[in-house]
Amino acid sequence: IEEKSKNNTGIVINIAFNYGSRDEIIR
């Protein structure tokens, strides 16, 4: 679904799943 929609120009929908901000910063 990310590949299919990557060139779309409408609204960007981000779904944070198995997400943590501390984990994101460490990565």
mmCIF file of all heavy atoms, coordinates in Angstrom:
data_MODEL
# 
_entry.id   MODEL 
# 
loop_
_atom_site.group_PDB 
_atom_site.id 
_atom_site.type_symbol 
_atom_site.label_atom_id 
_atom_site.label_alt_id 
_atom_site.label_comp_id 
_atom_site.label_asym_id 
_atom_site.label_entity_id 
_atom_site.label_seq_id 
_atom_site.pdbx_PDB_ins_code 
_atom_site.Cartn_x 
_atom_site.Cartn_y 
_atom_site.Cartn_z 
_atom_site.occupancy 
_atom_site.B_iso_or_equiv 
_atom_site.pdbx_formal_charge 
_atom_site.auth_seq_id 
_atom_site.auth_comp_id 
_atom_site.auth_asym_id 
_atom_site.auth_atom_id 
_atom_site.pdbx_PDB_model_num 
ATOM 1   N N   . ILE A 1 1  ? 0.832  -1.203 0.000  1.00 0.00 ? 1  ILE A N   1 
ATOM 2   C CA  . ILE A 1 1  ? 0.000  0.000  0.000  1.00 0.00 ? 1  ILE A CA  1 
ATOM 3   C C   . ILE A 1 1  ? 0.865  1.251  0.000  1.00 0.00 ? 1  ILE A C   1 
ATOM 4   O O   . ILE A 1 1  ? 0.523  2.272  -0.626 1.00 0.00 ? 1  ILE A O   1 
ATOM 5   C CB  . ILE A 1 1  ? -0.982 0.000  1.206  1.00 0.00 ? 1  ILE A CB  1 
ATOM 6   C CG1 . ILE A 1 1  ? -2.082 1.049  1.014  1.00 0.00 ? 1  ILE A CG1 1 
ATOM 7   C CG2 . ILE A 1 1  ? -0.269 0.222  2.509  1.00 0.00 ? 1  ILE A CG2 1 
ATOM 8   C CD1 . ILE A 1 1  ? -3.013 0.769  -0.132 1.00 0.00 ? 1  ILE A CD1 1 
ATOM 9   N N   . GLU A 1 2  ? 2.019  1.203  0.668  1.00 0.00 ? 2  GLU A N   1 
ATOM 10  C CA  . GLU A 1 2  ? 2.929  2.348  0.640  1.00 0.00 ? 2  GLU A CA  1 
ATOM 11  C C   . GLU A 1 2  ? 3.504  2.551  -0.759 1.00 0.00 ? 2  GLU A C   1 
ATOM 12  O O   . GLU A 1 2  ? 3.615  3.688  -1.240 1.00 0.00 ? 2  GLU A O   1 
ATOM 13  C CB  . GLU A 1 2  ? 4.054  2.163  1.663  1.00 0.00 ? 2  GLU A CB  1 
ATOM 14  C CG  . GLU A 1 2  ? 3.590  2.287  3.101  1.00 0.00 ? 2  GLU A CG  1 
ATOM 15  C CD  . GLU A 1 2  ? 4.710  2.143  4.109  1.00 0.00 ? 2  GLU A CD  1 
ATOM 16  O OE1 . GLU A 1 2  ? 5.705  1.439  3.800  1.00 0.00 ? 2  GLU A OE1 1 
ATOM 17  O OE2 . GLU A 1 2  ? 4.601  2.722  5.209  1.00 0.00 ? 2  GLU A OE2 1 
ATOM 18  N N   . GLU A 1 3  ? 3.851  1.457  -1.408 1.00 0.00 ? 3  GLU A N   1 
ATOM 19  C CA  . GLU A 1 3  ? 4.396  1.537  -2.771 1.00 0.00 ? 3  GLU A CA  1 
ATOM 20  C C   . GLU A 1 3  ? 3.339  2.032  -3.748 1.00 0.00 ? 3  GLU A C   1 
ATOM 21  O O   . GLU A 1 3  ? 3.620  2.884  -4.603 1.00 0.00 ? 3  GLU A O   1 
ATOM 22  C CB  . GLU A 1 3  ? 4.921  0.157  -3.195 1.00 0.00 ? 3  GLU A CB  1 
ATOM 23  C CG  . GLU A 1 3  ? 5.524  0.094  -4.581 1.00 0.00 ? 3  GLU A CG  1 
ATOM 24  C CD  . GLU A 1 3  ? 6.819  0.898  -4.718 1.00 0.00 ? 3  GLU A CD  1 
ATOM 25  O OE1 . GLU A 1 3  ? 7.484  1.141  -3.685 1.00 0.00 ? 3  GLU A OE1 1 
ATOM 26  O OE2 . GLU A 1 3  ? 7.141  1.283  -5.858 1.00 0.00 ? 3  GLU A OE2 1 
ATOM 27  N N   . LYS A 1 4  ? 2.138  1.511  -3.614 1.00 0.00 ? 4  LYS A N   1 
ATOM 28  C CA  . LYS A 1 4  ? 1.053  1.887  -4.516 1.00 0.00 ? 4  LYS A CA  1 
ATOM 29  C C   . LYS A 1 4  ? 0.734  3.369  -4.440 1.00 0.00 ? 4  LYS A C   1 
ATOM 30  O O   . LYS A 1 4  ? 0.386  3.992  -5.455 1.00 0.00 ? 4  LYS A O   1 
ATOM 31  C CB  . LYS A 1 4  ? -0.205 1.074  -4.181 1.00 0.00 ? 4  LYS A CB  1 
ATOM 32  C CG  . LYS A 1 4  ? -1.418 1.435  -5.022 1.00 0.00 ? 4  LYS A CG  1 
ATOM 33  C CD  . LYS A 1 4  ? -2.633 0.579  -4.660 1.00 0.00 ? 4  LYS A CD  1 
ATOM 34  C CE  . LYS A 1 4  ? -3.850 0.991  -5.484 1.00 0.00 ? 4  LYS A CE  1 
ATOM 35  N NZ  . LYS A 1 4  ? -5.038 0.160  -5.154 1.00 0.00 ? 4  LYS A NZ  1 
ATOM 36  N N   . SER A 1 5  ? 0.848  3.947  -3.251 1.00 0.00 ? 5  SER A N   1 
ATOM 37  C CA  . SER A 1 5  ? 0.401  5.331  -3.052 1.00 0.00 ? 5  SER A CA  1 
ATOM 38  C C   . SER A 1 5  ? 1.544  6.341  -2.994 1.00 0.00 ? 5  SER A C   1 
ATOM 39  O O   . SER A 1 5  ? 1.299  7.543  -2.807 1.00 0.00 ? 5  SER A O   1 
ATOM 40  C CB  . SER A 1 5  ? -0.415 5.429  -1.759 1.00 0.00 ? 5  SER A CB  1 
ATOM 41  O OG  . SER A 1 5  ? 0.397  5.198  -0.617 1.00 0.00 ? 5  SER A OG  1 
ATOM 42  N N   . LYS A 1 6  ? 2.785  5.909  -3.169 1.00 0.00 ? 6  LYS A N   1 
ATOM 43  C CA  . LYS A 1 6  ? 3.927  6.793  -2.893 1.00 0.00 ? 6  LYS A CA  1 
ATOM 44  C C   . LYS A 1 6  ? 3.981  8.034  -3.782 1.00 0.00 ? 6  LYS A C   1 
ATOM 45  O O   . LYS A 1 6  ? 4.528  9.060  -3.381 1.00 0.00 ? 6  LYS A O   1 
ATOM 46  C CB  . LYS A 1 6  ? 5.241  6.009  -3.004 1.00 0.00 ? 6  LYS A CB  1 
ATOM 47  C CG  . LYS A 1 6  ? 5.605  5.559  -4.409 1.00 0.00 ? 6  LYS A CG  1 
ATOM 48  C CD  . LYS A 1 6  ? 6.932  4.818  -4.424 1.00 0.00 ? 6  LYS A CD  1 
ATOM 49  C CE  . LYS A 1 6  ? 7.323  4.418  -5.843 1.00 0.00 ? 6  LYS A CE  1 
ATOM 50  N NZ  . LYS A 1 6  ? 8.620  3.682  -5.849 1.00 0.00 ? 6  LYS A NZ  1 
ATOM 51  N N   . ASN A 1 7  ? 3.415  7.948  -4.968 1.00 0.00 ? 7  ASN A N   1 
ATOM 52  C CA  . ASN A 1 7  ? 3.451  9.098  -5.874 1.00 0.00 ? 7  ASN A CA  1 
ATOM 53  C C   . ASN A 1 7  ? 2.158  9.902  -5.858 1.00 0.00 ? 7  ASN A C   1 
ATOM 54  O O   . ASN A 1 7  ? 2.007  10.853 -6.636 1.00 0.00 ? 7  ASN A O   1 
ATOM 55  C CB  . ASN A 1 7  ? 3.758  8.634  -7.303 1.00 0.00 ? 7  ASN A CB  1 
ATOM 56  C CG  . ASN A 1 7  ? 5.155  8.055  -7.428 1.00 0.00 ? 7  ASN A CG  1 
ATOM 57  O OD1 . ASN A 1 7  ? 6.103  8.582  -6.853 1.00 0.00 ? 7  ASN A OD1 1 
ATOM 58  N ND2 . ASN A 1 7  ? 5.292  6.960  -8.163 1.00 0.00 ? 7  ASN A ND2 1 
ATOM 59  N N   . ASN A 1 8  ? 1.224  9.524  -4.970 1.00 0.00 ? 8  ASN A N   1 
ATOM 60  C CA  . ASN A 1 8  ? -0.030 10.274 -4.874 1.00 0.00 ? 8  ASN A CA  1 
ATOM 61  C C   . ASN A 1 8  ? 0.233  11.666 -4.307 1.00 0.00 ? 8  ASN A C   1 
ATOM 62  O O   . ASN A 1 8  ? 1.173  11.876 -3.538 1.00 0.00 ? 8  ASN A O   1 
ATOM 63  C CB  . ASN A 1 8  ? -1.042 9.527  -4.005 1.00 0.00 ? 8  ASN A CB  1 
ATOM 64  C CG  . ASN A 1 8  ? -1.619 8.313  -4.715 1.00 0.00 ? 8  ASN A CG  1 
ATOM 65  O OD1 . ASN A 1 8  ? -1.364 8.089  -5.906 1.00 0.00 ? 8  ASN A OD1 1 
ATOM 66  N ND2 . ASN A 1 8  ? -2.401 7.514  -4.011 1.00 0.00 ? 8  ASN A ND2 1 
ATOM 67  N N   . THR A 1 9  ? -0.610 12.596 -4.686 1.00 0.00 ? 9  THR A N   1 
ATOM 68  C CA  . THR A 1 9  ? -0.372 14.000 -4.326 1.00 0.00 ? 9  THR A CA  1 
ATOM 69  C C   . THR A 1 9  ? -1.444 14.582 -3.402 1.00 0.00 ? 9  THR A C   1 
ATOM 70  O O   . THR A 1 9  ? -1.450 15.779 -3.133 1.00 0.00 ? 9  THR A O   1 
ATOM 71  C CB  . THR A 1 9  ? -0.290 14.855 -5.602 1.00 0.00 ? 9  THR A CB  1 
ATOM 72  O OG1 . THR A 1 9  ? -1.506 14.698 -6.361 1.00 0.00 ? 9  THR A OG1 1 
ATOM 73  C CG2 . THR A 1 9  ? 0.890  14.440 -6.468 1.00 0.00 ? 9  THR A CG2 1 
ATOM 74  N N   . GLY A 1 10 ? -2.344 13.738 -2.933 1.00 0.00 ? 10 GLY A N   1 
ATOM 75  C CA  . GLY A 1 10 ? -3.394 14.215 -2.031 1.00 0.00 ? 10 GLY A CA  1 
ATOM 76  C C   . GLY A 1 10 ? -2.951 14.188 -0.581 1.00 0.00 ? 10 GLY A C   1 
ATOM 77  O O   . GLY A 1 10 ? -1.759 14.246 -0.275 1.00 0.00 ? 10 GLY A O   1 
ATOM 78  N N   . ILE A 1 11 ? -3.890 14.081 0.329  1.00 0.00 ? 11 ILE A N   1 
ATOM 79  C CA  . ILE A 1 11 ? -3.597 14.075 1.756  1.00 0.00 ? 11 ILE A CA  1 
ATOM 80  C C   . ILE A 1 11 ? -2.621 12.944 2.098  1.00 0.00 ? 11 ILE A C   1 
ATOM 81  O O   . ILE A 1 11 ? -2.697 11.840 1.545  1.00 0.00 ? 11 ILE A O   1 
ATOM 82  C CB  . ILE A 1 11 ? -4.899 13.940 2.586  1.00 0.00 ? 11 ILE A CB  1 
ATOM 83  C CG1 . ILE A 1 11 ? -4.616 14.106 4.084  1.00 0.00 ? 11 ILE A CG1 1 
ATOM 84  C CG2 . ILE A 1 11 ? -5.610 12.622 2.287  1.00 0.00 ? 11 ILE A CG2 1 
ATOM 85  C CD1 . ILE A 1 11 ? -5.876 14.169 4.936  1.00 0.00 ? 11 ILE A CD1 1 
ATOM 86  N N   . VAL A 1 12 ? -1.681 13.230 2.994  1.00 0.00 ? 12 VAL A N   1 
ATOM 87  C CA  . VAL A 1 12 ? -0.742 12.222 3.489  1.00 0.00 ? 12 VAL A CA  1 
ATOM 88  C C   . VAL A 1 12 ? -1.295 11.663 4.794  1.00 0.00 ? 12 VAL A C   1 
ATOM 89  O O   . VAL A 1 12 ? -1.559 12.409 5.741  1.00 0.00 ? 12 VAL A O   1 
ATOM 90  C CB  . VAL A 1 12 ? 0.659  12.829 3.722  1.00 0.00 ? 12 VAL A CB  1 
ATOM 91  C CG1 . VAL A 1 12 ? 1.602  11.782 4.312  1.00 0.00 ? 12 VAL A CG1 1 
ATOM 92  C CG2 . VAL A 1 12 ? 1.224  13.379 2.416  1.00 0.00 ? 12 VAL A CG2 1 
ATOM 93  N N   . ILE A 1 13 ? -1.491 10.348 4.824  1.00 0.00 ? 13 ILE A N   1 
ATOM 94  C CA  . ILE A 1 13 ? -2.051 9.677  5.999  1.00 0.00 ? 13 ILE A CA  1 
ATOM 95  C C   . ILE A 1 13 ? -0.957 8.836  6.647  1.00 0.00 ? 13 ILE A C   1 
ATOM 96  O O   . ILE A 1 13 ? -0.448 7.886  6.045  1.00 0.00 ? 13 ILE A O   1 
ATOM 97  C CB  . ILE A 1 13 ? -3.237 8.771  5.608  1.00 0.00 ? 13 ILE A CB  1 
ATOM 98  C CG1 . ILE A 1 13 ? -4.321 9.575  4.882  1.00 0.00 ? 13 ILE A CG1 1 
ATOM 99  C CG2 . ILE A 1 13 ? -3.808 8.080  6.834  1.00 0.00 ? 13 ILE A CG2 1 
ATOM 100 C CD1 . ILE A 1 13 ? -5.372 8.695  4.199  1.00 0.00 ? 13 ILE A CD1 1 
ATOM 101 N N   . ASN A 1 14 ? -0.560 9.209  7.853  1.00 0.00 ? 14 ASN A N   1 
ATOM 102 C CA  . ASN A 1 14 ? 0.441  8.461  8.619  1.00 0.00 ? 14 ASN A CA  1 
ATOM 103 C C   . ASN A 1 14 ? -0.248 7.708  9.747  1.00 0.00 ? 14 ASN A C   1 
ATOM 104 O O   . ASN A 1 14 ? -0.917 8.319  10.577 1.00 0.00 ? 14 ASN A O   1 
ATOM 105 C CB  . ASN A 1 14 ? 1.476  9.402  9.236  1.00 0.00 ? 14 ASN A CB  1 
ATOM 106 C CG  . ASN A 1 14 ? 2.204  10.245 8.213  1.00 0.00 ? 14 ASN A CG  1 
ATOM 107 O OD1 . ASN A 1 14 ? 2.709  9.728  7.219  1.00 0.00 ? 14 ASN A OD1 1 
ATOM 108 N ND2 . ASN A 1 14 ? 2.269  11.549 8.447  1.00 0.00 ? 14 ASN A ND2 1 
ATOM 109 N N   . ILE A 1 15 ? -0.080 6.400  9.755  1.00 0.00 ? 15 ILE A N   1 
ATOM 110 C CA  . ILE A 1 15 ? -0.627 5.593  10.848 1.00 0.00 ? 15 ILE A CA  1 
ATOM 111 C C   . ILE A 1 15 ? 0.546  5.076  11.675 1.00 0.00 ? 15 ILE A C   1 
ATOM 112 O O   . ILE A 1 15 ? 1.363  4.289  11.195 1.00 0.00 ? 15 ILE A O   1 
ATOM 113 C CB  . ILE A 1 15 ? -1.483 4.436  10.321 1.00 0.00 ? 15 ILE A CB  1 
ATOM 114 C CG1 . ILE A 1 15 ? -2.664 4.986  9.517  1.00 0.00 ? 15 ILE A CG1 1 
ATOM 115 C CG2 . ILE A 1 15 ? -1.984 3.566  11.474 1.00 0.00 ? 15 ILE A CG2 1 
ATOM 116 C CD1 . ILE A 1 15 ? -3.523 3.920  8.881  1.00 0.00 ? 15 ILE A CD1 1 
ATOM 117 N N   . ALA A 1 16 ? 0.660  5.568  12.918 1.00 0.00 ? 16 ALA A N   1 
ATOM 118 C CA  . ALA A 1 16 ? 1.748  5.150  13.801 1.00 0.00 ? 16 ALA A CA  1 
ATOM 119 C C   . ALA A 1 16 ? 1.357  3.829  14.457 1.00 0.00 ? 16 ALA A C   1 
ATOM 120 O O   . ALA A 1 16 ? 0.450  3.783  15.293 1.00 0.00 ? 16 ALA A O   1 
ATOM 121 C CB  . ALA A 1 16 ? 2.015  6.226  14.848 1.00 0.00 ? 16 ALA A CB  1 
ATOM 122 N N   . PHE A 1 17 ? 2.045  2.759  14.041 1.00 0.00 ? 17 PHE A N   1 
ATOM 123 C CA  . PHE A 1 17 ? 1.705  1.422  14.539 1.00 0.00 ? 17 PHE A CA  1 
ATOM 124 C C   . PHE A 1 17 ? 3.001  0.732  14.940 1.00 0.00 ? 17 PHE A C   1 
ATOM 125 O O   . PHE A 1 17 ? 3.953  0.679  14.175 1.00 0.00 ? 17 PHE A O   1 
ATOM 126 C CB  . PHE A 1 17 ? 0.966  0.613  13.473 1.00 0.00 ? 17 PHE A CB  1 
ATOM 127 C CG  . PHE A 1 17 ? 0.246  -0.582 14.035 1.00 0.00 ? 17 PHE A CG  1 
ATOM 128 C CD1 . PHE A 1 17 ? -1.087 -0.483 14.422 1.00 0.00 ? 17 PHE A CD1 1 
ATOM 129 C CD2 . PHE A 1 17 ? 0.889  -1.788 14.219 1.00 0.00 ? 17 PHE A CD2 1 
ATOM 130 C CE1 . PHE A 1 17 ? -1.751 -1.571 14.962 1.00 0.00 ? 17 PHE A CE1 1 
ATOM 131 C CE2 . PHE A 1 17 ? 0.238  -2.881 14.756 1.00 0.00 ? 17 PHE A CE2 1 
ATOM 132 C CZ  . PHE A 1 17 ? -1.088 -2.775 15.131 1.00 0.00 ? 17 PHE A CZ  1 
ATOM 133 N N   . ASN A 1 18 ? 3.008  0.174  16.146 1.00 0.00 ? 18 ASN A N   1 
ATOM 134 C CA  . ASN A 1 18 ? 4.251  -0.278 16.786 1.00 0.00 ? 18 ASN A CA  1 
ATOM 135 C C   . ASN A 1 18 ? 5.258  0.863  16.747 1.00 0.00 ? 18 ASN A C   1 
ATOM 136 O O   . ASN A 1 18 ? 6.412  0.712  16.361 1.00 0.00 ? 18 ASN A O   1 
ATOM 137 C CB  . ASN A 1 18 ? 4.840  -1.530 16.136 1.00 0.00 ? 18 ASN A CB  1 
ATOM 138 C CG  . ASN A 1 18 ? 5.899  -2.183 17.017 1.00 0.00 ? 18 ASN A CG  1 
ATOM 139 O OD1 . ASN A 1 18 ? 5.858  -2.076 18.244 1.00 0.00 ? 18 ASN A OD1 1 
ATOM 140 N ND2 . ASN A 1 18 ? 6.868  -2.834 16.394 1.00 0.00 ? 18 ASN A ND2 1 
ATOM 141 N N   . TYR A 1 19 ? 4.762  2.028  17.160 1.00 0.00 ? 19 TYR A N   1 
ATOM 142 C CA  . TYR A 1 19 ? 5.539  3.256  17.135 1.00 0.00 ? 19 TYR A CA  1 
ATOM 143 C C   . TYR A 1 19 ? 5.784  3.761  18.549 1.00 0.00 ? 19 TYR A C   1 
ATOM 144 O O   . TYR A 1 19 ? 4.893  3.706  19.405 1.00 0.00 ? 19 TYR A O   1 
ATOM 145 C CB  . TYR A 1 19 ? 4.784  4.347  16.355 1.00 0.00 ? 19 TYR A CB  1 
ATOM 146 C CG  . TYR A 1 19 ? 5.411  5.714  16.476 1.00 0.00 ? 19 TYR A CG  1 
ATOM 147 C CD1 . TYR A 1 19 ? 6.383  6.126  15.574 1.00 0.00 ? 19 TYR A CD1 1 
ATOM 148 C CD2 . TYR A 1 19 ? 5.072  6.570  17.524 1.00 0.00 ? 19 TYR A CD2 1 
ATOM 149 C CE1 . TYR A 1 19 ? 6.994  7.369  15.705 1.00 0.00 ? 19 TYR A CE1 1 
ATOM 150 C CE2 . TYR A 1 19 ? 5.678  7.810  17.663 1.00 0.00 ? 19 TYR A CE2 1 
ATOM 151 C CZ  . TYR A 1 19 ? 6.636  8.209  16.750 1.00 0.00 ? 19 TYR A CZ  1 
ATOM 152 O OH  . TYR A 1 19 ? 7.247  9.426  16.888 1.00 0.00 ? 19 TYR A OH  1 
ATOM 153 N N   . GLY A 1 20 ? 6.986  4.245  18.770 1.00 0.00 ? 20 GLY A N   1 
ATOM 154 C CA  . GLY A 1 20 ? 7.320  4.957  20.001 1.00 0.00 ? 20 GLY A CA  1 
ATOM 155 C C   . GLY A 1 20 ? 8.309  6.046  19.645 1.00 0.00 ? 20 GLY A C   1 
ATOM 156 O O   . GLY A 1 20 ? 9.260  5.805  18.891 1.00 0.00 ? 20 GLY A O   1 
ATOM 157 N N   . SER A 1 21 ? 8.121  7.237  20.166 1.00 0.00 ? 21 SER A N   1 
ATOM 158 C CA  . SER A 1 21 ? 8.986  8.348  19.799 1.00 0.00 ? 21 SER A CA  1 
ATOM 159 C C   . SER A 1 21 ? 10.422 8.126  20.269 1.00 0.00 ? 21 SER A C   1 
ATOM 160 O O   . SER A 1 21 ? 11.373 8.448  19.549 1.00 0.00 ? 21 SER A O   1 
ATOM 161 C CB  . SER A 1 21 ? 8.440  9.654  20.390 1.00 0.00 ? 21 SER A CB  1 
ATOM 162 O OG  . SER A 1 21 ? 9.166  10.756 19.896 1.00 0.00 ? 21 SER A OG  1 
ATOM 163 N N   . ARG A 1 22 ? 10.604 7.583  21.457 1.00 0.00 ? 22 ARG A N   1 
ATOM 164 C CA  . ARG A 1 22 ? 11.966 7.310  21.927 1.00 0.00 ? 22 ARG A CA  1 
ATOM 165 C C   . ARG A 1 22 ? 12.646 6.306  21.005 1.00 0.00 ? 22 ARG A C   1 
ATOM 166 O O   . ARG A 1 22 ? 13.829 6.467  20.660 1.00 0.00 ? 22 ARG A O   1 
ATOM 167 C CB  . ARG A 1 22 ? 11.933 6.797  23.366 1.00 0.00 ? 22 ARG A CB  1 
ATOM 168 C CG  . ARG A 1 22 ? 11.576 7.867  24.392 1.00 0.00 ? 22 ARG A CG  1 
ATOM 169 C CD  . ARG A 1 22 ? 11.587 7.301  25.800 1.00 0.00 ? 22 ARG A CD  1 
ATOM 170 N NE  . ARG A 1 22 ? 11.344 8.355  26.790 1.00 0.00 ? 22 ARG A NE  1 
ATOM 171 C CZ  . ARG A 1 22 ? 11.315 8.147  28.094 1.00 0.00 ? 22 ARG A CZ  1 
ATOM 172 N NH1 . ARG A 1 22 ? 11.498 6.927  28.574 1.00 0.00 ? 22 ARG A NH1 1 
ATOM 173 N NH2 . ARG A 1 22 ? 11.106 9.157  28.929 1.00 0.00 ? 22 ARG A NH2 1 
ATOM 174 N N   . ASP A 1 23 ? 11.922 5.277  20.607 1.00 0.00 ? 23 ASP A N   1 
ATOM 175 C CA  . ASP A 1 23 ? 12.463 4.283  19.680 1.00 0.00 ? 23 ASP A CA  1 
ATOM 176 C C   . ASP A 1 23 ? 12.831 4.941  18.354 1.00 0.00 ? 23 ASP A C   1 
ATOM 177 O O   . ASP A 1 23 ? 13.888 4.657  17.775 1.00 0.00 ? 23 ASP A O   1 
ATOM 178 C CB  . ASP A 1 23 ? 11.435 3.171  19.457 1.00 0.00 ? 23 ASP A CB  1 
ATOM 179 C CG  . ASP A 1 23 ? 11.913 2.116  18.471 1.00 0.00 ? 23 ASP A CG  1 
ATOM 180 O OD1 . ASP A 1 23 ? 12.818 1.341  18.834 1.00 0.00 ? 23 ASP A OD1 1 
ATOM 181 O OD2 . ASP A 1 23 ? 11.396 2.073  17.338 1.00 0.00 ? 23 ASP A OD2 1 
ATOM 182 N N   . GLU A 1 24 ? 11.961 5.833  17.862 1.00 0.00 ? 24 GLU A N   1 
ATOM 183 C CA  . GLU A 1 24 ? 12.223 6.531  16.602 1.00 0.00 ? 24 GLU A CA  1 
ATOM 184 C C   . GLU A 1 24 ? 13.497 7.366  16.697 1.00 0.00 ? 24 GLU A C   1 
ATOM 185 O O   . GLU A 1 24 ? 14.323 7.372  15.768 1.00 0.00 ? 24 GLU A O   1 
ATOM 186 C CB  . GLU A 1 24 ? 11.031 7.429  16.265 1.00 0.00 ? 24 GLU A CB  1 
ATOM 187 C CG  . GLU A 1 24 ? 11.212 8.228  14.984 1.00 0.00 ? 24 GLU A CG  1 
ATOM 188 C CD  . GLU A 1 24 ? 10.056 9.185  14.727 1.00 0.00 ? 24 GLU A CD  1 
ATOM 189 O OE1 . GLU A 1 24 ? 9.436  9.660  15.700 1.00 0.00 ? 24 GLU A OE1 1 
ATOM 190 O OE2 . GLU A 1 24 ? 9.780  9.443  13.546 1.00 0.00 ? 24 GLU A OE2 1 
ATOM 191 N N   . ILE A 1 25 ? 13.674 8.069  17.800 1.00 0.00 ? 25 ILE A N   1 
ATOM 192 C CA  . ILE A 1 25 ? 14.852 8.922  17.985 1.00 0.00 ? 25 ILE A CA  1 
ATOM 193 C C   . ILE A 1 25 ? 16.123 8.072  18.085 1.00 0.00 ? 25 ILE A C   1 
ATOM 194 O O   . ILE A 1 25 ? 17.165 8.408  17.506 1.00 0.00 ? 25 ILE A O   1 
ATOM 195 C CB  . ILE A 1 25 ? 14.669 9.811  19.226 1.00 0.00 ? 25 ILE A CB  1 
ATOM 196 C CG1 . ILE A 1 25 ? 13.582 10.865 18.948 1.00 0.00 ? 25 ILE A CG1 1 
ATOM 197 C CG2 . ILE A 1 25 ? 15.971 10.487 19.624 1.00 0.00 ? 25 ILE A CG2 1 
ATOM 198 C CD1 . ILE A 1 25 ? 13.123 11.633 20.168 1.00 0.00 ? 25 ILE A CD1 1 
ATOM 199 N N   . ILE A 1 26 ? 16.051 6.951  18.790 1.00 0.00 ? 26 ILE A N   1 
ATOM 200 C CA  . ILE A 1 26 ? 17.209 6.057  18.900 1.00 0.00 ? 26 ILE A CA  1 
ATOM 201 C C   . ILE A 1 26 ? 17.571 5.485  17.528 1.00 0.00 ? 26 ILE A C   1 
ATOM 202 O O   . ILE A 1 26 ? 18.760 5.423  17.153 1.00 0.00 ? 26 ILE A O   1 
ATOM 203 C CB  . ILE A 1 26 ? 16.918 4.921  19.905 1.00 0.00 ? 26 ILE A CB  1 
ATOM 204 C CG1 . ILE A 1 26 ? 16.884 5.480  21.329 1.00 0.00 ? 26 ILE A CG1 1 
ATOM 205 C CG2 . ILE A 1 26 ? 17.977 3.817  19.807 1.00 0.00 ? 26 ILE A CG2 1 
ATOM 206 C CD1 . ILE A 1 26 ? 16.363 4.512  22.364 1.00 0.00 ? 26 ILE A CD1 1 
ATOM 207 N N   . ARG A 1 27 ? 16.560 5.081  16.743 1.00 0.00 ? 27 ARG A N   1 
ATOM 208 C CA  . ARG A 1 27 ? 16.826 4.552  15.403 1.00 0.00 ? 27 ARG A CA  1 
ATOM 209 C C   . ARG A 1 27 ? 17.488 5.603  14.520 1.00 0.00 ? 27 ARG A C   1 
ATOM 210 O O   . ARG A 1 27 ? 18.425 5.305  13.770 1.00 0.00 ? 27 ARG A O   1 
ATOM 211 C CB  . ARG A 1 27 ? 15.521 4.078  14.762 1.00 0.00 ? 27 ARG A CB  1 
ATOM 212 C CG  . ARG A 1 27 ? 14.988 2.785  15.316 1.00 0.00 ? 27 ARG A CG  1 
ATOM 213 C CD  . ARG A 1 27 ? 13.573 2.474  14.808 1.00 0.00 ? 27 ARG A CD  1 
ATOM 214 N NE  . ARG A 1 27 ? 13.120 1.222  15.372 1.00 0.00 ? 27 ARG A NE  1 
ATOM 215 C CZ  . ARG A 1 27 ? 13.352 0.027  14.830 1.00 0.00 ? 27 ARG A CZ  1 
ATOM 216 N NH1 . ARG A 1 27 ? 14.014 -0.052 13.691 1.00 0.00 ? 27 ARG A NH1 1 
ATOM 217 N NH2 . ARG A 1 27 ? 12.924 -1.067 15.406 1.00 0.00 ? 27 ARG A NH2 1 
# 
